[in-house]
mmCIF file of all heavy atoms, coordinates in Angstrom:
data_MODEL
# 
_entry.id   MODEL 
# 
loop_
_atom_site.group_PDB 
_atom_site.id 
_atom_site.type_symbol 
_atom_site.label_atom_id 
_atom_site.label_alt_id 
_atom_site.label_comp_id 
_atom_site.label_asym_id 
_atom_site.label_entity_id 
_atom_site.label_seq_id 
_atom_site.pdbx_PDB_ins_code 
_atom_site.Cartn_x 
_atom_site.Cartn_y 
_atom_site.Cartn_z 
_atom_site.occupancy 
_atom_site.B_iso_or_equiv 
_atom_site.pdbx_formal_charge 
_atom_site.auth_seq_id 
_atom_site.auth_comp_id 
_atom_site.auth_asym_id 
_atom_site.auth_atom_id 
_atom_site.pdbx_PDB_model_num 
ATOM 1   N N   . ASN A 1 1  ? -76.462 35.500 24.492 1.00 0.00 ? 1  ASN A N   1 
ATOM 2   C CA  . ASN A 1 1  ? -75.958 34.152 24.728 1.00 0.00 ? 1  ASN A CA  1 
ATOM 3   C C   . ASN A 1 1  ? -75.880 33.360 23.433 1.00 0.00 ? 1  ASN A C   1 
ATOM 4   O O   . ASN A 1 1  ? -76.547 33.666 22.450 1.00 0.00 ? 1  ASN A O   1 
ATOM 5   C CB  . ASN A 1 1  ? -76.799 33.425 25.788 1.00 0.00 ? 1  ASN A CB  1 
ATOM 6   C CG  . ASN A 1 1  ? -78.232 33.188 25.333 1.00 0.00 ? 1  ASN A CG  1 
ATOM 7   O OD1 . ASN A 1 1  ? -78.481 32.589 24.283 1.00 0.00 ? 1  ASN A OD1 1 
ATOM 8   N ND2 . ASN A 1 1  ? -79.182 33.622 26.127 1.00 0.00 ? 1  ASN A ND2 1 
ATOM 9   N N   . ASP A 1 2  ? -75.047 32.346 23.452 1.00 0.00 ? 2  ASP A N   1 
ATOM 10  C CA  . ASP A 1 2  ? -74.776 31.573 22.241 1.00 0.00 ? 2  ASP A CA  1 
ATOM 11  C C   . ASP A 1 2  ? -76.027 30.903 21.696 1.00 0.00 ? 2  ASP A C   1 
ATOM 12  O O   . ASP A 1 2  ? -76.185 30.749 20.480 1.00 0.00 ? 2  ASP A O   1 
ATOM 13  C CB  . ASP A 1 2  ? -73.701 30.518 22.522 1.00 0.00 ? 2  ASP A CB  1 
ATOM 14  C CG  . ASP A 1 2  ? -72.334 31.138 22.779 1.00 0.00 ? 2  ASP A CG  1 
ATOM 15  O OD1 . ASP A 1 2  ? -72.125 32.293 22.350 1.00 0.00 ? 2  ASP A OD1 1 
ATOM 16  O OD2 . ASP A 1 2  ? -71.491 30.478 23.408 1.00 0.00 ? 2  ASP A OD2 1 
ATOM 17  N N   . GLN A 1 3  ? -76.943 30.501 22.605 1.00 0.00 ? 3  GLN A N   1 
ATOM 18  C CA  . GLN A 1 3  ? -78.167 29.851 22.142 1.00 0.00 ? 3  GLN A CA  1 
ATOM 19  C C   . GLN A 1 3  ? -79.029 30.811 21.332 1.00 0.00 ? 3  GLN A C   1 
ATOM 20  O O   . GLN A 1 3  ? -79.586 30.437 20.299 1.00 0.00 ? 3  GLN A O   1 
ATOM 21  C CB  . GLN A 1 3  ? -78.956 29.298 23.342 1.00 0.00 ? 3  GLN A CB  1 
ATOM 22  C CG  . GLN A 1 3  ? -78.336 28.099 24.015 1.00 0.00 ? 3  GLN A CG  1 
ATOM 23  C CD  . GLN A 1 3  ? -77.282 28.493 25.032 1.00 0.00 ? 3  GLN A CD  1 
ATOM 24  O OE1 . GLN A 1 3  ? -76.940 29.677 25.171 1.00 0.00 ? 3  GLN A OE1 1 
ATOM 25  N NE2 . GLN A 1 3  ? -76.755 27.524 25.747 1.00 0.00 ? 3  GLN A NE2 1 
ATOM 26  N N   . ALA A 1 4  ? -79.149 32.058 21.800 1.00 0.00 ? 4  ALA A N   1 
ATOM 27  C CA  . ALA A 1 4  ? -79.945 33.046 21.071 1.00 0.00 ? 4  ALA A CA  1 
ATOM 28  C C   . ALA A 1 4  ? -79.330 33.336 19.705 1.00 0.00 ? 4  ALA A C   1 
ATOM 29  O O   . ALA A 1 4  ? -80.046 33.457 18.703 1.00 0.00 ? 4  ALA A O   1 
ATOM 30  C CB  . ALA A 1 4  ? -80.051 34.336 21.883 1.00 0.00 ? 4  ALA A CB  1 
ATOM 31  N N   . LEU A 1 5  ? -78.008 33.429 19.643 1.00 0.00 ? 5  LEU A N   1 
ATOM 32  C CA  . LEU A 1 5  ? -77.340 33.649 18.368 1.00 0.00 ? 5  LEU A CA  1 
ATOM 33  C C   . LEU A 1 5  ? -77.512 32.455 17.439 1.00 0.00 ? 5  LEU A C   1 
ATOM 34  O O   . LEU A 1 5  ? -77.657 32.616 16.218 1.00 0.00 ? 5  LEU A O   1 
ATOM 35  C CB  . LEU A 1 5  ? -75.860 33.932 18.593 1.00 0.00 ? 5  LEU A CB  1 
ATOM 36  C CG  . LEU A 1 5  ? -75.530 35.282 19.254 1.00 0.00 ? 5  LEU A CG  1 
ATOM 37  C CD1 . LEU A 1 5  ? -74.048 35.357 19.594 1.00 0.00 ? 5  LEU A CD1 1 
ATOM 38  C CD2 . LEU A 1 5  ? -75.918 36.441 18.342 1.00 0.00 ? 5  LEU A CD2 1 
ATOM 39  N N   . ALA A 1 6  ? -77.514 31.243 18.018 1.00 0.00 ? 6  ALA A N   1 
ATOM 40  C CA  . ALA A 1 6  ? -77.711 30.045 17.205 1.00 0.00 ? 6  ALA A CA  1 
ATOM 41  C C   . ALA A 1 6  ? -79.128 30.002 16.638 1.00 0.00 ? 6  ALA A C   1 
ATOM 42  O O   . ALA A 1 6  ? -79.334 29.630 15.478 1.00 0.00 ? 6  ALA A O   1 
ATOM 43  C CB  . ALA A 1 6  ? -77.430 28.787 18.035 1.00 0.00 ? 6  ALA A CB  1 
ATOM 44  N N   . VAL A 1 7  ? -80.112 30.398 17.451 1.00 0.00 ? 7  VAL A N   1 
ATOM 45  C CA  . VAL A 1 7  ? -81.499 30.445 16.968 1.00 0.00 ? 7  VAL A CA  1 
ATOM 46  C C   . VAL A 1 7  ? -81.615 31.468 15.850 1.00 0.00 ? 7  VAL A C   1 
ATOM 47  O O   . VAL A 1 7  ? -82.299 31.246 14.844 1.00 0.00 ? 7  VAL A O   1 
ATOM 48  C CB  . VAL A 1 7  ? -82.470 30.777 18.118 1.00 0.00 ? 7  VAL A CB  1 
ATOM 49  C CG1 . VAL A 1 7  ? -83.874 31.040 17.589 1.00 0.00 ? 7  VAL A CG1 1 
ATOM 50  C CG2 . VAL A 1 7  ? -82.509 29.637 19.125 1.00 0.00 ? 7  VAL A CG2 1 
ATOM 51  N N   . ARG A 1 8  ? -80.944 32.605 16.005 1.00 0.00 ? 8  ARG A N   1 
ATOM 52  C CA  . ARG A 1 8  ? -80.958 33.627 14.941 1.00 0.00 ? 8  ARG A CA  1 
ATOM 53  C C   . ARG A 1 8  ? -80.371 33.074 13.651 1.00 0.00 ? 8  ARG A C   1 
ATOM 54  O O   . ARG A 1 8  ? -80.915 33.298 12.555 1.00 0.00 ? 8  ARG A O   1 
ATOM 55  C CB  . ARG A 1 8  ? -80.176 34.854 15.393 1.00 0.00 ? 8  ARG A CB  1 
ATOM 56  C CG  . ARG A 1 8  ? -80.009 35.921 14.312 1.00 0.00 ? 8  ARG A CG  1 
ATOM 57  C CD  . ARG A 1 8  ? -79.275 37.114 14.896 1.00 0.00 ? 8  ARG A CD  1 
ATOM 58  N NE  . ARG A 1 8  ? -79.015 38.123 13.878 1.00 0.00 ? 8  ARG A NE  1 
ATOM 59  C CZ  . ARG A 1 8  ? -77.824 38.311 13.288 1.00 0.00 ? 8  ARG A CZ  1 
ATOM 60  N NH1 . ARG A 1 8  ? -76.814 37.538 13.608 1.00 0.00 ? 8  ARG A NH1 1 
ATOM 61  N NH2 . ARG A 1 8  ? -77.656 39.256 12.397 1.00 0.00 ? 8  ARG A NH2 1 
ATOM 62  N N   . ALA A 1 9  ? -79.253 32.345 13.755 1.00 0.00 ? 9  ALA A N   1 
ATOM 63  C CA  . ALA A 1 9  ? -78.642 31.763 12.564 1.00 0.00 ? 9  ALA A CA  1 
ATOM 64  C C   . ALA A 1 9  ? -79.592 30.776 11.891 1.00 0.00 ? 9  ALA A C   1 
ATOM 65  O O   . ALA A 1 9  ? -79.732 30.772 10.660 1.00 0.00 ? 9  ALA A O   1 
ATOM 66  C CB  . ALA A 1 9  ? -77.324 31.075 12.937 1.00 0.00 ? 9  ALA A CB  1 
ATOM 67  N N   . CYS A 1 10 ? -80.265 29.954 12.694 1.00 0.00 ? 10 CYS A N   1 
ATOM 68  C CA  . CYS A 1 10 ? -81.238 29.007 12.147 1.00 0.00 ? 10 CYS A CA  1 
ATOM 69  C C   . CYS A 1 10 ? -82.396 29.744 11.479 1.00 0.00 ? 10 CYS A C   1 
ATOM 70  O O   . CYS A 1 10 ? -82.849 29.367 10.391 1.00 0.00 ? 10 CYS A O   1 
ATOM 71  C CB  . CYS A 1 10 ? -81.766 28.096 13.250 1.00 0.00 ? 10 CYS A CB  1 
ATOM 72  S SG  . CYS A 1 10 ? -80.581 26.884 13.858 1.00 0.00 ? 10 CYS A SG  1 
ATOM 73  N N   . ALA A 1 11 ? -82.889 30.792 12.139 1.00 0.00 ? 11 ALA A N   1 
ATOM 74  C CA  . ALA A 1 11 ? -84.027 31.545 11.604 1.00 0.00 ? 11 ALA A CA  1 
ATOM 75  C C   . ALA A 1 11 ? -83.669 32.204 10.272 1.00 0.00 ? 11 ALA A C   1 
ATOM 76  O O   . ALA A 1 11 ? -84.472 32.197 9.334  1.00 0.00 ? 11 ALA A O   1 
ATOM 77  C CB  . ALA A 1 11 ? -84.481 32.598 12.619 1.00 0.00 ? 11 ALA A CB  1 
ATOM 78  N N   . ARG A 1 12 ? -82.467 32.775 10.182 1.00 0.00 ? 12 ARG A N   1 
ATOM 79  C CA  . ARG A 1 12 ? -82.053 33.420 8.942  1.00 0.00 ? 12 ARG A CA  1 
ATOM 80  C C   . ARG A 1 12 ? -81.910 32.378 7.818  1.00 0.00 ? 12 ARG A C   1 
ATOM 81  O O   . ARG A 1 12 ? -82.276 32.647 6.667  1.00 0.00 ? 12 ARG A O   1 
ATOM 82  C CB  . ARG A 1 12 ? -80.730 34.152 9.149  1.00 0.00 ? 12 ARG A CB  1 
ATOM 83  C CG  . ARG A 1 12 ? -80.817 35.377 10.076 1.00 0.00 ? 12 ARG A CG  1 
ATOM 84  C CD  . ARG A 1 12 ? -81.503 36.537 9.374  1.00 0.00 ? 12 ARG A CD  1 
ATOM 85  N NE  . ARG A 1 12 ? -81.648 37.695 10.220 1.00 0.00 ? 12 ARG A NE  1 
ATOM 86  C CZ  . ARG A 1 12 ? -80.786 38.721 10.266 1.00 0.00 ? 12 ARG A CZ  1 
ATOM 87  N NH1 . ARG A 1 12 ? -79.690 38.689 9.528  1.00 0.00 ? 12 ARG A NH1 1 
ATOM 88  N NH2 . ARG A 1 12 ? -81.014 39.760 11.037 1.00 0.00 ? 12 ARG A NH2 1 
ATOM 89  N N   . ARG A 1 13 ? -81.374 31.200 8.156  1.00 0.00 ? 13 ARG A N   1 
ATOM 90  C CA  . ARG A 1 13 ? -81.236 30.164 7.135  1.00 0.00 ? 13 ARG A CA  1 
ATOM 91  C C   . ARG A 1 13 ? -82.605 29.651 6.695  1.00 0.00 ? 13 ARG A C   1 
ATOM 92  O O   . ARG A 1 13 ? -82.830 29.409 5.504  1.00 0.00 ? 13 ARG A O   1 
ATOM 93  C CB  . ARG A 1 13 ? -80.390 29.008 7.683  1.00 0.00 ? 13 ARG A CB  1 
ATOM 94  C CG  . ARG A 1 13 ? -80.120 27.901 6.661  1.00 0.00 ? 13 ARG A CG  1 
ATOM 95  C CD  . ARG A 1 13 ? -79.445 28.455 5.430  1.00 0.00 ? 13 ARG A CD  1 
ATOM 96  N NE  . ARG A 1 13 ? -79.287 27.442 4.393  1.00 0.00 ? 13 ARG A NE  1 
ATOM 97  C CZ  . ARG A 1 13 ? -79.117 27.690 3.132  1.00 0.00 ? 13 ARG A CZ  1 
ATOM 98  N NH1 . ARG A 1 13 ? -79.097 28.961 2.699  1.00 0.00 ? 13 ARG A NH1 1 
ATOM 99  N NH2 . ARG A 1 13 ? -78.973 26.730 2.247  1.00 0.00 ? 13 ARG A NH2 1 
ATOM 100 N N   . LEU A 1 14 ? -83.508 29.491 7.636  1.00 0.00 ? 14 LEU A N   1 
ATOM 101 C CA  . LEU A 1 14 ? -84.868 29.079 7.285  1.00 0.00 ? 14 LEU A CA  1 
ATOM 102 C C   . LEU A 1 14 ? -85.540 30.109 6.385  1.00 0.00 ? 14 LEU A C   1 
ATOM 103 O O   . LEU A 1 14 ? -86.262 29.743 5.452  1.00 0.00 ? 14 LEU A O   1 
ATOM 104 C CB  . LEU A 1 14 ? -85.691 28.864 8.561  1.00 0.00 ? 14 LEU A CB  1 
ATOM 105 C CG  . LEU A 1 14 ? -85.451 27.536 9.291  1.00 0.00 ? 14 LEU A CG  1 
ATOM 106 C CD1 . LEU A 1 14 ? -86.065 27.584 10.685 1.00 0.00 ? 14 LEU A CD1 1 
ATOM 107 C CD2 . LEU A 1 14 ? -86.026 26.373 8.494  1.00 0.00 ? 14 LEU A CD2 1 
ATOM 108 N N   . ALA A 1 15 ? -85.312 31.381 6.670  1.00 0.00 ? 15 ALA A N   1 
ATOM 109 C CA  . ALA A 1 15 ? -85.890 32.432 5.823  1.00 0.00 ? 15 ALA A CA  1 
ATOM 110 C C   . ALA A 1 15 ? -85.366 32.321 4.391  1.00 0.00 ? 15 ALA A C   1 
ATOM 111 O O   . ALA A 1 15 ? -86.121 32.475 3.429  1.00 0.00 ? 15 ALA A O   1 
ATOM 112 C CB  . ALA A 1 15 ? -85.572 33.805 6.408  1.00 0.00 ? 15 ALA A CB  1 
ATOM 113 N N   . ALA A 1 16 ? -84.073 32.030 4.246  1.00 0.00 ? 16 ALA A N   1 
ATOM 114 C CA  . ALA A 1 16 ? -83.492 31.885 2.915  1.00 0.00 ? 16 ALA A CA  1 
ATOM 115 C C   . ALA A 1 16 ? -84.062 30.667 2.190  1.00 0.00 ? 16 ALA A C   1 
ATOM 116 O O   . ALA A 1 16 ? -84.373 30.730 0.989  1.00 0.00 ? 16 ALA A O   1 
ATOM 117 C CB  . ALA A 1 16 ? -81.969 31.769 3.023  1.00 0.00 ? 16 ALA A CB  1 
ATOM 118 N N   . LEU A 1 17 ? -84.216 29.562 2.915  1.00 0.00 ? 17 LEU A N   1 
ATOM 119 C CA  . LEU A 1 17 ? -84.767 28.352 2.302  1.00 0.00 ? 17 LEU A CA  1 
ATOM 120 C C   . LEU A 1 17 ? -86.232 28.543 1.921  1.00 0.00 ? 17 LEU A C   1 
ATOM 121 O O   . LEU A 1 17 ? -86.680 28.066 0.870  1.00 0.00 ? 17 LEU A O   1 
ATOM 122 C CB  . LEU A 1 17 ? -84.615 27.165 3.257  1.00 0.00 ? 17 LEU A CB  1 
ATOM 123 C CG  . LEU A 1 17 ? -83.190 26.659 3.486  1.00 0.00 ? 17 LEU A CG  1 
ATOM 124 C CD1 . LEU A 1 17 ? -83.166 25.592 4.559  1.00 0.00 ? 17 LEU A CD1 1 
ATOM 125 C CD2 . LEU A 1 17 ? -82.585 26.132 2.188  1.00 0.00 ? 17 LEU A CD2 1 
ATOM 126 N N   . ASN A 1 18 ? -86.989 29.226 2.767  1.00 0.00 ? 18 ASN A N   1 
ATOM 127 C CA  . ASN A 1 18 ? -88.394 29.507 2.448  1.00 0.00 ? 18 ASN A CA  1 
ATOM 128 C C   . ASN A 1 18 ? -88.519 30.373 1.204  1.00 0.00 ? 18 ASN A C   1 
ATOM 129 O O   . ASN A 1 18 ? -89.412 30.175 0.379  1.00 0.00 ? 18 ASN A O   1 
ATOM 130 C CB  . ASN A 1 18 ? -89.081 30.172 3.639  1.00 0.00 ? 18 ASN A CB  1 
ATOM 131 C CG  . ASN A 1 18 ? -89.500 29.181 4.704  1.00 0.00 ? 18 ASN A CG  1 
ATOM 132 O OD1 . ASN A 1 18 ? -90.070 28.136 4.398  1.00 0.00 ? 18 ASN A OD1 1 
ATOM 133 N ND2 . ASN A 1 18 ? -89.221 29.503 5.952  1.00 0.00 ? 18 ASN A ND2 1 
ATOM 134 N N   . LYS A 1 19 ? -87.613 31.344 1.074  1.00 0.00 ? 19 LYS A N   1 
ATOM 135 C CA  . LYS A 1 19 ? -87.623 32.201 -0.106 1.00 0.00 ? 19 LYS A CA  1 
ATOM 136 C C   . LYS A 1 19 ? -87.312 31.384 -1.358 1.00 0.00 ? 19 LYS A C   1 
ATOM 137 O O   . LYS A 1 19 ? -87.963 31.538 -2.410 1.00 0.00 ? 19 LYS A O   1 
ATOM 138 C CB  . LYS A 1 19 ? -86.606 33.328 0.056  1.00 0.00 ? 19 LYS A CB  1 
ATOM 139 C CG  . LYS A 1 19 ? -86.573 34.299 -1.110 1.00 0.00 ? 19 LYS A CG  1 
ATOM 140 C CD  . LYS A 1 19 ? -85.567 35.422 -0.862 1.00 0.00 ? 19 LYS A CD  1 
ATOM 141 C CE  . LYS A 1 19 ? -85.534 36.395 -2.037 1.00 0.00 ? 19 LYS A CE  1 
ATOM 142 N NZ  . LYS A 1 19 ? -84.554 37.495 -1.798 1.00 0.00 ? 19 LYS A NZ  1 
ATOM 143 N N   . ALA A 1 20 ? -86.333 30.488 -1.253 1.00 0.00 ? 20 ALA A N   1 
ATOM 144 C CA  . ALA A 1 20 ? -85.981 29.643 -2.392 1.00 0.00 ? 20 ALA A CA  1 
ATOM 145 C C   . ALA A 1 20 ? -87.134 28.719 -2.762 1.00 0.00 ? 20 ALA A C   1 
ATOM 146 O O   . ALA A 1 20 ? -87.399 28.489 -3.956 1.00 0.00 ? 20 ALA A O   1 
ATOM 147 C CB  . ALA A 1 20 ? -84.730 28.831 -2.057 1.00 0.00 ? 20 ALA A CB  1 
ATOM 148 N N   . ARG A 1 21 ? -87.851 28.198 -1.767 1.00 0.00 ? 21 ARG A N   1 
ATOM 149 C CA  . ARG A 1 21 ? -88.987 27.325 -2.041 1.00 0.00 ? 21 ARG A CA  1 
ATOM 150 C C   . ARG A 1 21 ? -90.101 28.092 -2.745 1.00 0.00 ? 21 ARG A C   1 
ATOM 151 O O   . ARG A 1 21 ? -90.713 27.579 -3.690 1.00 0.00 ? 21 ARG A O   1 
ATOM 152 C CB  . ARG A 1 21 ? -89.514 26.710 -0.744 1.00 0.00 ? 21 ARG A CB  1 
ATOM 153 C CG  . ARG A 1 21 ? -90.709 25.788 -0.942 1.00 0.00 ? 21 ARG A CG  1 
ATOM 154 C CD  . ARG A 1 21 ? -91.166 25.174 0.362  1.00 0.00 ? 21 ARG A CD  1 
ATOM 155 N NE  . ARG A 1 21 ? -91.588 26.181 1.323  1.00 0.00 ? 21 ARG A NE  1 
ATOM 156 C CZ  . ARG A 1 21 ? -92.071 25.887 2.537  1.00 0.00 ? 21 ARG A CZ  1 
ATOM 157 N NH1 . ARG A 1 21 ? -92.165 24.621 2.929  1.00 0.00 ? 21 ARG A NH1 1 
ATOM 158 N NH2 . ARG A 1 21 ? -92.434 26.851 3.364  1.00 0.00 ? 21 ARG A NH2 1 
ATOM 159 N N   . THR A 1 22 ? -90.365 29.308 -2.294 1.00 0.00 ? 22 THR A N   1 
ATOM 160 C CA  . THR A 1 22 ? -91.393 30.126 -2.940 1.00 0.00 ? 22 THR A CA  1 
ATOM 161 C C   . THR A 1 22 ? -91.028 30.401 -4.397 1.00 0.00 ? 22 THR A C   1 
ATOM 162 O O   . THR A 1 22 ? -91.882 30.323 -5.289 1.00 0.00 ? 22 THR A O   1 
ATOM 163 C CB  . THR A 1 22 ? -91.569 31.454 -2.180 1.00 0.00 ? 22 THR A CB  1 
ATOM 164 O OG1 . THR A 1 22 ? -91.979 31.173 -0.835 1.00 0.00 ? 22 THR A OG1 1 
ATOM 165 C CG2 . THR A 1 22 ? -92.610 32.331 -2.847 1.00 0.00 ? 22 THR A CG2 1 
ATOM 166 N N   . GLN A 1 23 ? -89.773 30.716 -4.652 1.00 0.00 ? 23 GLN A N   1 
ATOM 167 C CA  . GLN A 1 23 ? -89.329 30.951 -6.016 1.00 0.00 ? 23 GLN A CA  1 
ATOM 168 C C   . GLN A 1 23 ? -89.490 29.701 -6.873 1.00 0.00 ? 23 GLN A C   1 
ATOM 169 O O   . GLN A 1 23 ? -89.951 29.768 -8.025 1.00 0.00 ? 23 GLN A O   1 
ATOM 170 C CB  . GLN A 1 23 ? -87.867 31.406 -6.013 1.00 0.00 ? 23 GLN A CB  1 
ATOM 171 C CG  . GLN A 1 23 ? -87.634 32.791 -5.433 1.00 0.00 ? 23 GLN A CG  1 
ATOM 172 C CD  . GLN A 1 23 ? -86.165 33.141 -5.310 1.00 0.00 ? 23 GLN A CD  1 
ATOM 173 O OE1 . GLN A 1 23 ? -85.305 32.257 -5.286 1.00 0.00 ? 23 GLN A OE1 1 
ATOM 174 N NE2 . GLN A 1 23 ? -85.874 34.439 -5.220 1.00 0.00 ? 23 GLN A NE2 1 
ATOM 175 N N   . ALA A 1 24 ? -89.137 28.541 -6.307 1.00 0.00 ? 24 ALA A N   1 
ATOM 176 C CA  . ALA A 1 24 ? -89.263 27.288 -7.047 1.00 0.00 ? 24 ALA A CA  1 
ATOM 177 C C   . ALA A 1 24 ? -90.723 26.968 -7.347 1.00 0.00 ? 24 ALA A C   1 
ATOM 178 O O   . ALA A 1 24 ? -91.056 26.497 -8.444 1.00 0.00 ? 24 ALA A O   1 
ATOM 179 C CB  . ALA A 1 24 ? -88.618 26.149 -6.254 1.00 0.00 ? 24 ALA A CB  1 
ATOM 180 N N   . LYS A 1 25 ? -91.604 27.246 -6.388 1.00 0.00 ? 25 LYS A N   1 
ATOM 181 C CA  . LYS A 1 25 ? -93.025 27.004 -6.619 1.00 0.00 ? 25 LYS A CA  1 
ATOM 182 C C   . LYS A 1 25 ? -93.577 27.929 -7.699 1.00 0.00 ? 25 LYS A C   1 
ATOM 183 O O   . LYS A 1 25 ? -94.410 27.511 -8.516 1.00 0.00 ? 25 LYS A O   1 
ATOM 184 C CB  . LYS A 1 25 ? -93.801 27.184 -5.310 1.00 0.00 ? 25 LYS A CB  1 
ATOM 185 C CG  . LYS A 1 25 ? -93.610 26.032 -4.321 1.00 0.00 ? 25 LYS A CG  1 
ATOM 186 C CD  . LYS A 1 25 ? -94.488 26.220 -3.095 1.00 0.00 ? 25 LYS A CD  1 
ATOM 187 C CE  . LYS A 1 25 ? -94.417 25.007 -2.187 1.00 0.00 ? 25 LYS A CE  1 
ATOM 188 N NZ  . LYS A 1 25 ? -95.285 25.138 -0.986 1.00 0.00 ? 25 LYS A NZ  1 
# 
């Protein structure tokens, strides 16, 4: 369902942002 795919998209983007934050730290 579209909601599950939307959550996946959010989760993948959060993973990318978390990685960028770790690198910046």
